[in-house]
Protein backbone atom coordinates (compact mmCIF):
# COMPACT_ATOMS: atom_id res chain seq x y z
CA MET A 1 9.08 4.33 70.33
CA ALA A 2 5.82 6.03 69.46
CA THR A 3 5.30 6.63 65.68
CA LYS A 4 4.82 10.08 64.66
CA ARG A 5 1.50 10.46 62.73
CA VAL A 6 1.52 12.77 59.75
CA ARG A 7 -1.99 14.52 59.22
CA LEU A 8 -2.59 15.54 55.56
CA GLY A 9 -5.71 17.12 56.19
CA TRP A 10 -7.26 18.50 53.05
CA LEU A 11 -4.10 17.87 51.13
CA GLY A 12 -4.98 14.17 50.53
CA PRO A 13 -8.30 14.74 48.83
CA VAL A 14 -6.48 17.28 46.51
CA ILE A 15 -3.75 14.83 45.53
CA VAL A 16 -6.60 12.18 44.61
CA LEU A 17 -8.43 14.70 42.66
CA VAL A 18 -5.31 15.83 40.75
CA GLY A 19 -4.43 12.25 39.87
CA ILE A 20 -8.01 11.58 38.64
CA ALA A 21 -7.94 14.85 36.50
CA ALA A 22 -4.59 13.84 35.07
CA ALA A 23 -5.98 10.30 34.13
CA VAL A 24 -9.01 11.80 32.66
CA ALA A 25 -6.90 14.25 30.49
CA GLY A 26 -4.61 11.49 29.38
CA LEU A 27 -7.51 9.31 28.34
CA TYR A 28 -8.99 12.27 26.47
CA LEU A 29 -5.86 12.88 24.69
CA VAL A 30 -5.43 9.23 23.67
CA MET A 31 -8.99 9.19 22.33
CA THR A 32 -9.01 12.32 20.60
CA SER A 33 -5.47 11.80 19.04
CA LYS A 34 -6.51 8.31 17.79
CA PRO A 35 -6.29 8.30 13.83
CA LYS A 36 -9.47 8.29 12.12
CA ALA A 37 -10.58 7.21 8.68
CA GLY A 38 -12.05 10.02 6.47
CA ALA A 39 -12.93 10.19 2.89
CA VAL A 40 -12.84 7.35 0.42
CA ILE A 41 -9.99 7.60 -2.15
CA GLU A 42 -10.79 4.50 -4.22
CA THR A 43 -12.86 1.20 -3.96
CA ILE A 44 -11.58 -1.89 -5.54
CA VAL A 45 -14.05 -4.66 -6.26
CA ILE A 46 -12.83 -8.15 -5.38
CA ASP A 47 -15.78 -10.26 -6.19
CA PRO A 48 -19.58 -9.54 -5.88
CA HIS A 49 -19.43 -10.06 -2.20
CA ALA A 50 -15.87 -8.44 -1.27
CA LYS A 51 -14.30 -5.19 -1.97
CA ILE A 52 -11.13 -3.31 -0.65
CA VAL A 53 -11.64 0.45 0.38
CA VAL A 54 -8.89 3.04 0.67
CA ARG A 55 -9.64 5.99 2.77
CA ALA A 56 -7.44 8.99 3.59
CA GLU A 57 -6.61 9.68 7.19
CA ASP A 58 -8.88 12.36 8.75
CA GLY A 59 -6.60 15.38 9.15
CA GLY A 60 -3.55 13.34 8.48
CA ASP A 61 -1.34 12.26 5.58
CA ARG A 62 -1.72 8.55 5.94
CA ALA A 63 -4.49 6.16 4.74
CA PHE A 64 -6.70 3.31 5.88
CA VAL A 65 -6.96 0.15 3.81
CA GLU A 66 -9.99 -1.87 4.59
CA LEU A 67 -11.36 -5.28 3.55
CA HIS A 68 -15.25 -5.43 3.34
CA VAL A 69 -17.11 -8.70 2.93
CA GLY A 70 -20.94 -8.19 2.68
CA ASP A 71 -21.68 -5.43 5.23
CA GLU A 72 -19.09 -6.23 7.50
CA MET A 73 -15.59 -4.74 7.58
CA LYS A 74 -13.26 -7.71 8.30
CA TRP A 75 -10.15 -5.52 8.92
CA GLN A 76 -8.60 -2.02 8.70
CA ALA A 77 -4.93 -1.15 8.53
CA LEU A 78 -3.20 2.35 8.73
CA VAL A 79 -0.53 2.71 6.16
CA PRO A 80 1.82 5.80 5.17
CA HIS A 81 0.62 8.11 2.44
CA TYR A 82 -1.08 6.27 -0.11
CA GLY A 83 0.81 6.02 -3.50
CA GLY A 84 -2.06 5.47 -5.78
CA ARG A 85 -4.67 7.80 -7.05
CA THR A 86 -7.99 8.09 -9.24
CA GLY A 87 -7.61 6.05 -12.25
CA ALA A 88 -4.32 4.31 -11.29
CA THR A 89 -4.70 2.09 -8.35
CA GLY A 90 -1.82 1.26 -5.80
CA ILE A 91 -3.66 -2.11 -4.60
CA ALA A 92 -3.28 -5.66 -5.94
CA TRP A 93 -4.52 -8.68 -4.21
CA GLY A 94 -4.16 -12.43 -4.53
CA GLU A 95 -5.42 -15.43 -2.41
CA THR A 96 -3.03 -14.70 0.40
CA ALA A 97 -1.94 -10.94 0.45
CA VAL A 98 -2.79 -7.49 -0.54
CA SER A 99 -0.14 -5.17 -1.77
CA VAL A 100 -0.62 -1.39 -1.17
CA ARG A 101 1.69 1.10 -2.68
CA VAL A 102 2.86 3.74 -0.20
CA VAL A 103 5.21 6.86 -0.38
CA ARG A 104 7.66 7.71 2.44
CA ASP A 105 10.31 10.59 2.19
CA ASN A 106 9.48 11.05 -1.71
CA LYS A 107 10.29 7.29 -2.11
CA ALA A 108 7.93 4.55 -3.22
CA GLU A 109 7.46 1.28 -1.25
CA VAL A 110 5.00 -1.64 -1.20
CA PHE A 111 3.45 -3.04 1.89
CA ALA A 112 2.19 -6.66 1.78
CA LEU A 113 -0.52 -7.36 4.02
CA ALA A 114 -2.13 -10.84 4.76
CA ILE A 115 -5.70 -10.93 3.31
CA LYS A 116 -7.10 -12.84 6.18
CA ASP A 117 -6.01 -10.48 9.13
CA ALA A 118 -4.07 -7.53 7.59
CA SER A 119 -0.82 -8.75 9.21
CA LYS A 120 2.30 -7.45 7.57
CA LEU A 121 3.87 -9.98 5.45
CA GLY A 122 6.84 -7.89 4.31
CA GLY A 123 7.80 -4.70 2.46
CA VAL A 124 9.67 -3.77 -0.59
CA LYS A 125 11.61 -0.44 -1.38
CA LEU A 126 11.18 0.71 -5.10
CA GLY A 127 13.57 2.77 -7.05
CA ALA A 128 16.59 1.76 -5.03
CA GLY A 129 19.58 4.07 -5.92
CA LYS A 130 17.40 6.55 -7.54
CA GLY A 131 16.35 10.00 -6.77
CA PRO A 132 12.80 11.20 -5.70
CA ILE A 133 9.75 9.84 -7.31
CA LYS A 134 7.39 11.95 -9.22
CA LEU A 135 3.97 11.96 -7.51
CA ASP A 136 2.36 13.16 -10.53
CA ALA A 137 3.92 10.81 -12.96
CA THR A 138 1.43 9.57 -15.89
CA GLY A 139 0.39 6.10 -16.49
CA PRO A 140 -0.29 3.16 -14.12
CA VAL A 141 0.96 2.70 -10.40
CA THR A 142 0.18 -0.87 -9.90
CA LEU A 143 -0.58 -3.65 -12.39
CA THR A 144 -1.60 -7.24 -11.45
CA ASP A 145 -2.72 -10.50 -12.73
CA ASN A 146 -3.69 -11.53 -9.11
CA LEU A 147 -0.64 -13.68 -8.82
CA ARG A 148 1.98 -10.78 -8.89
CA SER A 149 1.88 -7.04 -8.72
CA TYR A 150 3.88 -5.00 -11.35
CA GLU A 151 4.91 -1.75 -9.57
CA VAL A 152 5.69 1.17 -12.04
CA VAL A 153 7.66 3.91 -10.41
CA SER A 154 9.01 7.13 -12.08
CA GLY A 155 11.40 9.84 -11.26
CA GLU A 156 13.27 12.61 -13.26
CA GLY A 157 14.86 10.91 -16.18
CA TRP A 158 13.98 7.27 -15.16
CA ASN A 159 11.26 4.54 -14.81
CA GLN A 160 11.36 1.10 -13.29
CA MET A 161 9.08 -1.76 -12.97
CA THR A 162 9.13 -4.22 -10.13
CA ALA A 163 7.30 -7.58 -9.92
CA ILE A 164 6.04 -8.86 -6.39
CA ASP A 165 4.89 -12.28 -5.56
CA LEU A 166 1.31 -11.76 -4.06
CA ARG A 167 1.74 -15.12 -2.20
CA ASN A 168 4.30 -13.99 0.23
CA GLY A 169 5.22 -10.15 -0.65
CA SER A 170 8.67 -10.87 -1.96
CA LYS A 171 10.32 -8.97 -4.88
CA LEU A 172 10.77 -11.37 -8.12
CA TRP A 173 12.55 -8.94 -10.38
CA THR A 174 13.29 -5.10 -11.34
CA ILE A 175 13.95 -3.71 -14.75
CA GLU A 176 14.99 -0.26 -16.03
CA LEU A 177 12.43 1.24 -18.54
CA GLY A 178 14.39 4.32 -19.65
CA ALA A 179 13.39 8.03 -19.48
CA ALA A 180 10.44 8.13 -21.75
CA PRO A 181 7.05 8.77 -19.84
CA ILE A 182 4.97 5.73 -19.29
CA THR A 183 1.45 6.54 -20.58
CA SER A 184 -0.50 3.27 -20.05
CA GLY A 185 -0.05 -0.55 -19.00
CA GLY A 186 -1.62 -3.76 -18.55
CA VAL A 187 -1.45 -7.60 -18.23
CA LYS A 188 -2.14 -9.88 -21.11
CA GLY A 189 -1.53 -13.59 -20.68
CA GLY A 190 2.04 -14.33 -19.63
CA LEU A 191 2.95 -10.81 -20.39
CA VAL A 192 2.96 -7.34 -18.70
CA TRP A 193 2.99 -4.43 -20.94
CA ILE A 194 3.63 -0.62 -20.59
CA GLU A 195 3.43 2.11 -23.36
CA GLN A 196 6.01 4.55 -23.99
CA ALA A 197 6.43 7.24 -26.62
CA GLY A 198 3.37 5.66 -28.62
CA THR A 199 5.03 2.07 -28.41
CA ARG A 200 4.02 -0.87 -26.35
CA ARG A 201 6.70 -2.90 -24.69
CA TYR A 202 5.97 -6.57 -23.50
CA PHE A 203 7.87 -8.30 -20.68
CA GLN A 204 7.59 -11.85 -19.39
CA VAL A 205 5.87 -11.93 -16.02
CA PHE A 206 8.06 -14.69 -14.58
CA THR A 207 11.47 -12.86 -15.23
CA GLY A 208 10.86 -9.39 -16.65
CA GLN A 209 12.74 -10.28 -19.77
CA GLU A 210 11.44 -8.04 -22.53
CA ASP A 211 9.45 -10.18 -25.29
CA ARG A 212 10.44 -8.55 -28.73
CA SER A 213 8.32 -10.69 -30.83
CA SER A 214 6.36 -9.00 -33.46
CA GLU A 215 3.20 -9.48 -32.09
CA THR A 216 1.85 -10.77 -28.80
CA THR A 217 -1.81 -10.93 -29.01
CA GLY A 218 -1.83 -14.53 -29.16
CA ALA A 219 0.40 -15.23 -25.88
CA PRO A 220 -0.71 -18.01 -23.74
CA LEU A 221 -2.71 -17.70 -20.49
CA ASP A 222 -0.81 -17.66 -17.24
CA PRO A 223 -2.61 -20.18 -14.94
CA THR A 224 0.14 -21.00 -12.56
CA PRO A 225 2.08 -18.66 -9.95
CA ALA A 226 5.60 -17.79 -10.21
CA PRO A 227 7.80 -20.51 -8.91
């Protein structure tokens, strides 16, 4: 039986051209919608040759975290809305991990990224069981001794601090700090401290237990990571 031949005529080239146009339009959409790094939010110097740079997303609400060594950018990671601010960093780093404070749905979280390649090691949600956080809270966001990060999170009538192991991004402990606003904080020796209502409170870095000794200026150094 003879096969009936279908003649497309001019329709064939038109179909091809439409397909090409659609492919070009799709590629353009992908290229133009790709997130881009914008203005620098803060720069954290690790050593004379390395630094971590946090940039806002150009035209978006997210942020880029970058590791620079010398003149080379080793990696760049896109994270949710950055939870740090000028004068109150949301970044900590150790030998194996970088922790990044982020905010999603008015809740605070910490992303742990591998310092070698920015792969995600884990994440910790802060303020579990609490209401929305205060984005304009006073005092520190992230404190660190480069072995652990100490994450301060605040909401209406409450404050918490959570310690995170910078070796693997796991949570070590969480303590309640009451309602008084936190105005400052730091790490000294084996103790992390915060200031509330004009009074400094000190806590053991390994357990979060409050140290109520009369004076802690002579606290020993903390040379080893948490077990």
